[in-house]
Amino acid sequence: MPWKETTTMEQKIEFICEWRTGKYTITELCRTFEISRPTAYKLISRFENQGFEGLKKHSRAPGKHPNATKENIVESILKLKKKYKLWGAKKIRELLFKEFTSQEVPSVVTVHNILKRNGLVCPQKRMRRVKPVHPIFDPKSCNEVWSADYKGKFLMGNKIYCHPLTIADSRSRFLFTAKGHYKENLKSAKAEFKRVFRIYGIPKQIHTDNGSPFGSVRAIQRFTQLSYWFIELGIAPVFSDPASPQQNGRHERMHRDLKAACAKPSAFDLKAQQRRLNHFVKEYNNIRPHEALGMKTPADIHDFSTRAFPERIPNFDYDTKYKVLKVTESGAIRWKSYYWVYVSAALKGKYAAIENLGNGIWKVFYRNVLLGYFDEKHLRNKQQSTRLETNLV
């Protein structure tokens, strides 16, 4: 018959049980269980103070670590997390430099572990890895390219949709506005662009998607009435490829933060919702560190534009080599009295210019922007109009 194996805990319990009988001395018990007298007295002391729980193996880790994060720093980390619930360890750590010295501020991993120990880290869904797409328009200076878009609509508490218009500088990520509208239309967008232009000046380009009122895949060069207004101000409208929001990823990433901060949950009405949007803009620009900016804020990087907004559209004089024609109410220009070349309904009442390239091929311009080409050989039917082509075949 094999010997019965016993665990250390079972031997401790057996030792205490034998000691409690009072039949044996400490010397006899130590000899039987092959332990020293200090060990025996330690087990008896633990049993008397904590019961059988005190016999369990204690951790040998020191109660206090010399490199442990100071209590006041831990309190600041938890306080900042409570205030900025959607921020991670990197951004919270950056704000600690305003209160403590660089030697006192713990690492990102330490900040993350402190948040995790206090149950303030939400497990994130593992994202499928995709090939990184770099932005088509990657400006090197402020006000070179601005981005604009309508963030996806969401219901407010009064069951009415809010459509936030956002405008930001693509270099500094400075968010000029997040304006809530009831509808995505030209009038609302143009009014907000005017307000922003008057405060911050105008950029060289504005990057948008192809949705109304910014662009139209059916229109020549995708230009809309808003696009032509930009051209008149000296701003070049540029567009992402259709169904390719990743080409303006930095703006879409900002939209994700805006949605989390302002739409989950949303406010009751547009007035209350606008207060939330304004608070987000202020925090995003002045407080929230941005990793792509070296953990600086957009306000630290951004400079005002040196190009002022003209209250009146400046006149434009075409070169004498061009032939200037007026766009009719139908959006077409009249060619040789009875032929028609369709340009765009958004240009009705304005003046376009054409330039002869030879062999019956003509270039069509609006101000200094090329719209397309037409071939006068195709002008056969006097009752129909010819559309412009963006490329010559």
Protein backbone atom coordinates (compact mmCIF):
# COMPACT_ATOMS: atom_id res chain seq x y z
CA MET A 1 0.00 0.00 0.00
CA PRO A 2 1.58 3.39 -1.06
CA TRP A 3 2.22 6.17 1.43
CA LYS A 4 -0.48 8.82 1.53
CA GLU A 5 0.82 12.11 0.20
CA THR A 6 -0.19 15.25 2.04
CA THR A 7 0.00 18.89 1.03
CA THR A 8 1.72 21.62 3.02
CA MET A 9 -1.63 23.13 3.98
CA GLU A 10 -2.87 19.78 5.30
CA GLN A 11 0.27 19.40 7.42
CA LYS A 12 -0.25 22.91 8.86
CA ILE A 13 -3.84 22.06 9.79
CA GLU A 14 -2.74 18.75 11.34
CA PHE A 15 -0.04 20.58 13.35
CA ILE A 16 -2.59 23.05 14.73
CA CYS A 17 -5.03 20.25 15.57
CA GLU A 18 -2.33 18.34 17.48
CA TRP A 19 -1.27 21.51 19.30
CA ARG A 20 -4.85 22.28 20.36
CA THR A 21 -5.18 18.89 22.06
CA GLY A 22 -2.57 19.98 24.62
CA LYS A 23 -1.07 16.48 24.73
CA TYR A 24 2.25 17.47 23.13
CA THR A 25 4.88 20.07 23.79
CA ILE A 26 6.14 22.44 21.12
CA THR A 27 9.44 20.55 21.07
CA GLU A 28 7.69 17.24 20.40
CA LEU A 29 5.51 18.75 17.66
CA CYS A 30 8.54 20.35 15.97
CA ARG A 31 10.37 17.02 16.02
CA THR A 32 7.37 15.17 14.59
CA PHE A 33 6.61 17.67 11.80
CA GLU A 34 10.31 18.47 11.20
CA ILE A 35 9.95 22.24 11.54
CA SER A 36 11.81 24.82 13.62
CA ARG A 37 10.42 26.35 16.81
CA PRO A 38 10.14 29.90 15.24
CA THR A 39 8.08 28.40 12.41
CA ALA A 40 5.84 26.63 14.92
CA TYR A 41 5.22 29.79 16.94
CA LYS A 42 4.53 31.75 13.71
CA LEU A 43 1.85 29.24 12.64
CA ILE A 44 0.25 29.33 16.10
CA SER A 45 0.24 33.16 16.07
CA ARG A 46 -1.38 33.31 12.63
CA PHE A 47 -4.02 30.78 13.66
CA GLU A 48 -4.89 32.73 16.77
CA ASN A 49 -5.22 36.00 14.84
CA GLN A 50 -6.84 34.86 11.57
CA GLY A 51 -7.99 31.29 12.06
CA PHE A 52 -7.29 28.65 9.45
CA GLU A 53 -7.20 31.40 6.74
CA GLY A 54 -3.98 32.65 8.32
CA LEU A 55 -2.27 29.34 7.53
CA LYS A 56 -2.43 29.97 3.79
CA LYS A 57 0.76 30.91 1.99
CA HIS A 58 1.31 34.66 2.09
CA SER A 59 2.70 36.69 -0.79
CA ARG A 60 6.32 37.68 -0.34
CA ALA A 61 5.87 40.81 -2.42
CA PRO A 62 6.67 43.99 -0.47
CA GLY A 63 3.69 45.96 0.78
CA LYS A 64 5.12 49.16 -0.70
CA HIS A 65 7.31 49.44 -3.77
CA PRO A 66 9.88 52.24 -3.98
CA ASN A 67 8.98 52.87 -7.64
CA ALA A 68 5.20 52.77 -7.15
CA THR A 69 3.20 55.63 -8.66
CA LYS A 70 2.44 58.32 -6.08
CA GLU A 71 -1.09 58.42 -4.73
CA ASN A 72 -1.72 62.01 -5.86
CA ILE A 73 -0.73 61.10 -9.44
CA VAL A 74 -3.08 58.10 -9.39
CA GLU A 75 -5.88 60.37 -8.18
CA SER A 76 -5.17 62.83 -11.03
CA ILE A 77 -5.27 60.00 -13.60
CA LEU A 78 -8.65 58.79 -12.30
CA LYS A 79 -9.97 62.36 -12.16
CA LEU A 80 -8.96 63.03 -15.77
CA LYS A 81 -10.48 59.75 -16.93
CA LYS A 82 -13.74 60.66 -15.21
CA LYS A 83 -13.76 64.01 -17.03
CA TYR A 84 -12.69 62.65 -20.44
CA LYS A 85 -14.33 59.24 -20.49
CA LEU A 86 -13.56 58.54 -24.16
CA TRP A 87 -9.82 59.22 -23.91
CA GLY A 88 -7.16 56.54 -23.63
CA ALA A 89 -3.95 56.34 -21.62
CA LYS A 90 -1.82 58.29 -24.15
CA LYS A 91 -3.98 61.41 -24.09
CA ILE A 92 -4.56 61.33 -20.33
CA ARG A 93 -0.82 60.96 -19.73
CA GLU A 94 -0.15 64.03 -21.87
CA LEU A 95 -2.34 66.19 -19.59
CA LEU A 96 -0.36 65.05 -16.53
CA PHE A 97 2.62 67.12 -17.70
CA LYS A 98 0.62 70.25 -16.84
CA GLU A 99 0.50 69.20 -13.16
CA PHE A 100 3.68 67.17 -12.61
CA THR A 101 7.29 67.14 -13.78
CA SER A 102 8.45 64.82 -16.55
CA GLN A 103 10.26 62.66 -13.95
CA GLU A 104 7.04 62.15 -11.99
CA VAL A 105 4.74 61.35 -14.93
CA PRO A 106 4.46 57.54 -15.37
CA SER A 107 4.68 55.73 -18.71
CA VAL A 108 1.70 55.07 -20.98
CA VAL A 109 1.68 51.41 -19.90
CA THR A 110 1.56 52.40 -16.23
CA VAL A 111 -1.31 54.82 -16.83
CA HIS A 112 -3.17 52.12 -18.75
CA ASN A 113 -2.61 49.60 -15.92
CA ILE A 114 -3.90 52.07 -13.33
CA LEU A 115 -7.05 52.63 -15.39
CA LYS A 116 -7.45 48.89 -15.88
CA ARG A 117 -7.11 48.13 -12.16
CA ASN A 118 -9.91 50.59 -11.48
CA GLY A 119 -12.19 49.10 -14.13
CA LEU A 120 -11.97 52.11 -16.45
CA VAL A 121 -10.72 50.33 -19.58
CA CYS A 122 -13.38 49.00 -21.91
CA PRO A 123 -12.30 45.98 -23.97
CA GLN A 124 -12.25 46.98 -27.63
CA LYS A 125 -13.52 44.86 -30.45
CA ARG A 126 -10.61 43.48 -32.45
CA MET A 127 -10.57 45.18 -35.84
CA ARG A 128 -9.79 43.39 -39.05
CA ARG A 129 -6.46 44.53 -40.45
CA VAL A 130 -6.70 46.38 -43.72
CA LYS A 131 -4.08 47.85 -45.96
CA PRO A 132 -3.43 51.46 -44.85
CA VAL A 133 -4.68 54.13 -47.26
CA HIS A 134 -2.77 57.38 -47.23
CA PRO A 135 -4.76 60.55 -47.96
CA ILE A 136 -4.72 61.76 -51.56
CA PHE A 137 -4.38 65.32 -50.33
CA ASP A 138 -1.64 65.53 -47.69
CA PRO A 139 -0.91 69.25 -47.13
CA LYS A 140 2.38 70.40 -45.67
CA SER A 141 1.14 73.73 -44.30
CA CYS A 142 -1.99 75.13 -42.68
CA ASN A 143 -4.79 76.49 -44.91
CA GLU A 144 -3.45 74.64 -47.93
CA VAL A 145 -6.37 72.19 -47.85
CA TRP A 146 -9.52 72.29 -45.75
CA SER A 147 -11.90 69.36 -45.43
CA ALA A 148 -15.67 69.67 -45.20
CA ASP A 149 -18.46 67.15 -44.87
CA TYR A 150 -21.86 66.50 -43.39
CA LYS A 151 -21.47 63.93 -40.62
CA GLY A 152 -24.15 61.26 -40.90
CA LYS A 153 -27.52 62.39 -39.59
CA PHE A 154 -28.84 61.20 -36.22
CA LEU A 155 -32.14 61.55 -34.37
CA MET A 156 -32.45 64.02 -31.53
CA GLY A 157 -34.76 63.55 -28.56
CA ASN A 158 -37.61 65.36 -30.34
CA LYS A 159 -37.45 62.78 -33.19
CA ILE A 160 -36.02 65.31 -35.67
CA TYR A 161 -32.79 64.60 -37.54
CA CYS A 162 -29.66 66.67 -36.95
CA HIS A 163 -27.15 67.03 -39.81
CA PRO A 164 -23.82 68.41 -38.46
CA LEU A 165 -21.67 70.27 -40.99
CA THR A 166 -17.98 70.03 -40.12
CA ILE A 167 -15.11 72.08 -41.57
CA ALA A 168 -11.49 71.43 -40.56
CA ASP A 169 -7.94 72.22 -41.64
CA SER A 170 -6.33 69.08 -43.06
CA ARG A 171 -2.81 69.92 -41.82
CA SER A 172 -3.42 71.02 -38.21
CA ARG A 173 -6.74 69.12 -37.79
CA PHE A 174 -8.14 72.38 -36.39
CA LEU A 175 -11.93 72.08 -36.37
CA PHE A 176 -13.45 75.40 -37.44
CA THR A 177 -17.06 74.43 -36.86
CA ALA A 178 -19.52 71.66 -36.19
CA LYS A 179 -22.84 73.27 -37.08
CA GLY A 180 -26.09 71.38 -36.67
CA HIS A 181 -28.58 71.78 -39.53
CA TYR A 182 -32.04 70.40 -40.16
CA LYS A 183 -31.21 69.73 -43.82
CA GLU A 184 -28.14 69.27 -46.01
CA ASN A 185 -28.69 72.04 -48.54
CA LEU A 186 -26.82 74.83 -50.31
CA LYS A 187 -28.32 77.69 -48.28
CA SER A 188 -27.36 76.26 -44.88
CA ALA A 189 -23.88 75.17 -45.97
CA LYS A 190 -23.06 78.45 -47.71
CA ALA A 191 -24.13 80.52 -44.70
CA GLU A 192 -21.83 78.54 -42.38
CA PHE A 193 -18.90 78.69 -44.84
CA LYS A 194 -19.30 82.48 -44.96
CA ARG A 195 -19.18 82.70 -41.17
CA VAL A 196 -16.04 80.56 -40.99
CA PHE A 197 -14.33 82.39 -43.88
CA ARG A 198 -14.92 85.77 -42.18
CA ILE A 199 -13.23 84.55 -38.98
CA TYR A 200 -10.39 82.34 -40.26
CA GLY A 201 -9.84 83.49 -43.87
CA ILE A 202 -10.00 81.24 -46.94
CA PRO A 203 -7.87 78.22 -47.95
CA LYS A 204 -6.32 77.28 -51.30
CA GLN A 205 -8.43 74.12 -51.67
CA ILE A 206 -11.49 72.54 -50.09
CA HIS A 207 -11.64 68.72 -50.05
CA THR A 208 -15.10 67.13 -49.92
CA ASP A 209 -16.87 63.96 -50.95
CA ASN A 210 -19.38 63.79 -53.82
CA GLY A 211 -22.56 64.27 -51.79
CA SER A 212 -24.91 67.23 -52.00
CA PRO A 213 -24.32 70.16 -51.81
CA PHE A 214 -20.55 69.68 -52.29
CA GLY A 215 -20.34 67.61 -55.45
CA SER A 216 -22.31 65.66 -58.03
CA VAL A 217 -21.00 62.71 -60.03
CA ARG A 218 -23.37 63.64 -62.86
CA ALA A 219 -22.11 67.21 -63.25
CA ILE A 220 -19.15 68.27 -65.35
CA GLN A 221 -16.00 67.94 -63.17
CA ARG A 222 -18.47 67.10 -60.33
CA PHE A 223 -18.95 70.85 -59.73
CA THR A 224 -22.11 72.18 -58.04
CA GLN A 225 -23.34 75.70 -57.23
CA LEU A 226 -21.26 75.59 -54.05
CA SER A 227 -18.21 74.50 -56.06
CA TYR A 228 -18.57 77.42 -58.46
CA TRP A 229 -18.91 79.81 -55.51
CA PHE A 230 -15.62 78.44 -54.16
CA ILE A 231 -14.02 79.02 -57.57
CA GLU A 232 -15.25 82.61 -57.58
CA LEU A 233 -13.57 83.12 -54.19
CA GLY A 234 -10.30 81.72 -55.53
CA ILE A 235 -10.66 78.34 -53.81
CA ALA A 236 -10.13 75.14 -55.80
CA PRO A 237 -12.74 72.43 -55.02
CA VAL A 238 -11.24 68.91 -54.91
CA PHE A 239 -13.06 65.63 -54.38
CA SER A 240 -12.49 62.11 -53.09
CA ASP A 241 -13.15 59.29 -55.52
CA PRO A 242 -16.77 58.07 -55.40
CA ALA A 243 -17.44 55.63 -52.53
CA SER A 244 -13.93 56.19 -51.09
CA PRO A 245 -14.30 57.93 -47.70
CA GLN A 246 -10.92 56.51 -46.63
CA GLN A 247 -9.23 59.06 -48.90
CA ASN A 248 -10.20 61.69 -46.33
CA GLY A 249 -9.56 59.42 -43.35
CA ARG A 250 -8.43 62.13 -40.92
CA HIS A 251 -11.80 63.92 -41.28
CA GLU A 252 -13.75 60.67 -40.94
CA ARG A 253 -11.76 59.81 -37.80
CA MET A 254 -12.78 63.15 -36.28
CA HIS A 255 -16.40 62.30 -37.12
CA ARG A 256 -16.10 59.10 -35.07
CA ASP A 257 -15.06 61.11 -32.01
CA LEU A 258 -17.82 63.66 -32.63
CA LYS A 259 -20.47 60.94 -32.85
CA ALA A 260 -19.29 59.29 -29.62
CA ALA A 261 -19.24 62.62 -27.75
CA CYS A 262 -22.39 64.28 -29.11
CA ALA A 263 -24.76 61.62 -30.47
CA LYS A 264 -24.56 58.81 -27.89
CA PRO A 265 -27.01 59.90 -26.58
CA SER A 266 -28.13 62.97 -28.51
CA ALA A 267 -29.73 66.08 -27.00
CA PHE A 268 -33.44 66.87 -27.06
CA ASP A 269 -33.50 69.62 -29.72
CA LEU A 270 -31.16 71.44 -32.10
CA LYS A 271 -30.39 74.25 -29.64
CA ALA A 272 -29.24 71.83 -26.95
CA GLN A 273 -27.44 69.70 -29.55
CA GLN A 274 -25.53 72.74 -30.80
CA ARG A 275 -24.24 73.39 -27.29
CA ARG A 276 -22.81 69.87 -27.25
CA LEU A 277 -21.24 70.36 -30.67
CA ASN A 278 -19.67 73.66 -29.58
CA HIS A 279 -18.25 72.01 -26.45
CA PHE A 280 -16.75 69.23 -28.58
CA VAL A 281 -15.11 71.76 -30.95
CA LYS A 282 -13.55 73.64 -28.02
CA GLU A 283 -12.25 70.45 -26.38
CA TYR A 284 -11.03 68.97 -29.69
CA ASN A 285 -9.06 72.10 -30.62
CA ASN A 286 -7.63 73.23 -27.28
CA ILE A 287 -7.46 70.29 -24.85
CA ARG A 288 -7.38 66.94 -26.64
CA PRO A 289 -3.79 65.94 -27.61
CA HIS A 290 -3.47 64.57 -31.15
CA GLU A 291 -1.10 61.68 -31.76
CA ALA A 292 -0.45 62.65 -35.42
CA LEU A 293 0.64 66.11 -34.20
CA GLY A 294 3.20 64.80 -31.73
CA MET A 295 0.62 64.91 -28.89
CA LYS A 296 0.05 68.63 -29.43
CA THR A 297 -3.40 70.15 -29.80
CA PRO A 298 -4.70 71.48 -33.15
CA ALA A 299 -4.75 75.00 -31.66
CA ASP A 300 -0.98 74.74 -31.00
CA ILE A 301 -0.30 73.99 -34.68
CA HIS A 302 -2.87 76.06 -36.59
CA ASP A 303 -2.22 79.50 -38.11
CA PHE A 304 -4.83 81.86 -39.51
CA SER A 305 -5.03 82.21 -43.27
CA THR A 306 -3.48 85.31 -44.81
CA ARG A 307 -6.17 85.32 -47.53
CA ALA A 308 -9.14 87.40 -46.35
CA PHE A 309 -12.71 86.59 -47.34
CA PRO A 310 -13.97 89.06 -50.00
CA GLU A 311 -17.48 90.26 -49.14
CA ARG A 312 -18.10 90.93 -52.82
CA ILE A 313 -17.15 88.47 -55.54
CA PRO A 314 -14.28 90.06 -57.49
CA ASN A 315 -14.75 90.57 -61.22
CA PHE A 316 -12.85 88.27 -63.54
CA ASP A 317 -11.54 89.40 -66.90
CA TYR A 318 -10.87 86.69 -69.45
CA ASP A 319 -7.84 86.89 -71.71
CA THR A 320 -8.46 88.36 -75.15
CA LYS A 321 -7.64 85.00 -76.78
CA TYR A 322 -10.86 83.54 -75.35
CA LYS A 323 -14.36 83.90 -76.72
CA VAL A 324 -16.74 84.77 -73.89
CA LEU A 325 -20.30 83.35 -73.93
CA LYS A 326 -23.15 83.61 -71.44
CA VAL A 327 -24.66 80.45 -69.96
CA THR A 328 -28.42 80.46 -70.54
CA GLU A 329 -31.18 79.48 -68.11
CA SER A 330 -31.02 75.93 -69.45
CA GLY A 331 -27.33 75.64 -68.52
CA ALA A 332 -26.08 75.68 -72.14
CA ILE A 333 -24.11 78.14 -74.26
CA ARG A 334 -25.25 79.13 -77.77
CA TRP A 335 -22.83 78.27 -80.56
CA LYS A 336 -23.11 79.99 -83.95
CA SER A 337 -26.64 81.27 -83.32
CA TYR A 338 -28.49 77.96 -83.42
CA TYR A 339 -26.29 75.22 -81.92
CA TRP A 340 -26.18 74.45 -78.19
CA VAL A 341 -23.42 73.11 -75.93
CA TYR A 342 -24.63 72.07 -72.48
CA VAL A 343 -22.31 73.14 -69.65
CA SER A 344 -24.08 73.15 -66.26
CA ALA A 345 -27.35 74.46 -64.82
CA ALA A 346 -25.33 75.68 -61.82
CA LEU A 347 -23.69 78.29 -64.10
CA LYS A 348 -26.85 79.84 -65.51
CA GLY A 349 -26.50 83.61 -65.92
CA LYS A 350 -22.70 83.47 -65.66
CA TYR A 351 -20.07 83.86 -68.37
CA ALA A 352 -17.88 81.03 -69.64
CA ALA A 353 -14.99 81.25 -72.08
CA ILE A 354 -13.94 79.00 -74.94
CA GLU A 355 -10.55 78.56 -76.63
CA ASN A 356 -9.96 77.09 -80.09
CA LEU A 357 -7.47 74.19 -80.13
CA GLY A 358 -7.80 73.55 -83.86
CA ASN A 359 -9.58 70.85 -85.89
CA GLY A 360 -12.92 71.93 -84.44
CA ILE A 361 -11.91 71.17 -80.82
CA TRP A 362 -12.75 73.83 -78.21
CA LYS A 363 -11.76 74.19 -74.57
CA VAL A 364 -14.38 75.55 -72.13
CA PHE A 365 -13.38 77.50 -69.00
CA TYR A 366 -15.14 79.11 -66.09
CA ARG A 367 -12.82 81.80 -64.81
CA ASN A 368 -9.42 80.06 -64.52
CA VAL A 369 -10.81 76.52 -64.18
CA LEU A 370 -11.03 74.11 -67.11
CA LEU A 371 -14.48 72.54 -67.40
CA GLY A 372 -14.09 70.36 -70.49
CA TYR A 373 -14.05 70.14 -74.28
CA PHE A 374 -16.48 69.94 -77.17
CA ASP A 375 -16.10 69.07 -80.84
CA GLU A 376 -18.06 71.29 -83.19
CA LYS A 377 -18.22 68.40 -85.70
CA HIS A 378 -20.74 66.74 -83.38
CA LEU A 379 -23.07 69.74 -83.59
CA ARG A 380 -25.39 68.27 -86.25
CA ASN A 381 -28.91 68.52 -84.84
CA LYS A 382 -30.07 72.06 -84.28
CA GLN A 383 -32.73 70.88 -81.79
CA GLN A 384 -30.33 69.05 -79.44
CA SER A 385 -27.42 70.22 -77.30
CA THR A 386 -23.98 68.61 -77.02
CA ARG A 387 -22.56 67.91 -73.56
CA LEU A 388 -19.01 68.78 -72.59
CA GLU A 389 -16.43 66.00 -72.30
CA THR A 390 -13.78 66.02 -69.59
CA ASN A 391 -11.22 64.22 -71.76
CA LEU A 392 -10.36 64.21 -75.43
CA VAL A 393 -10.21 60.74 -77.00
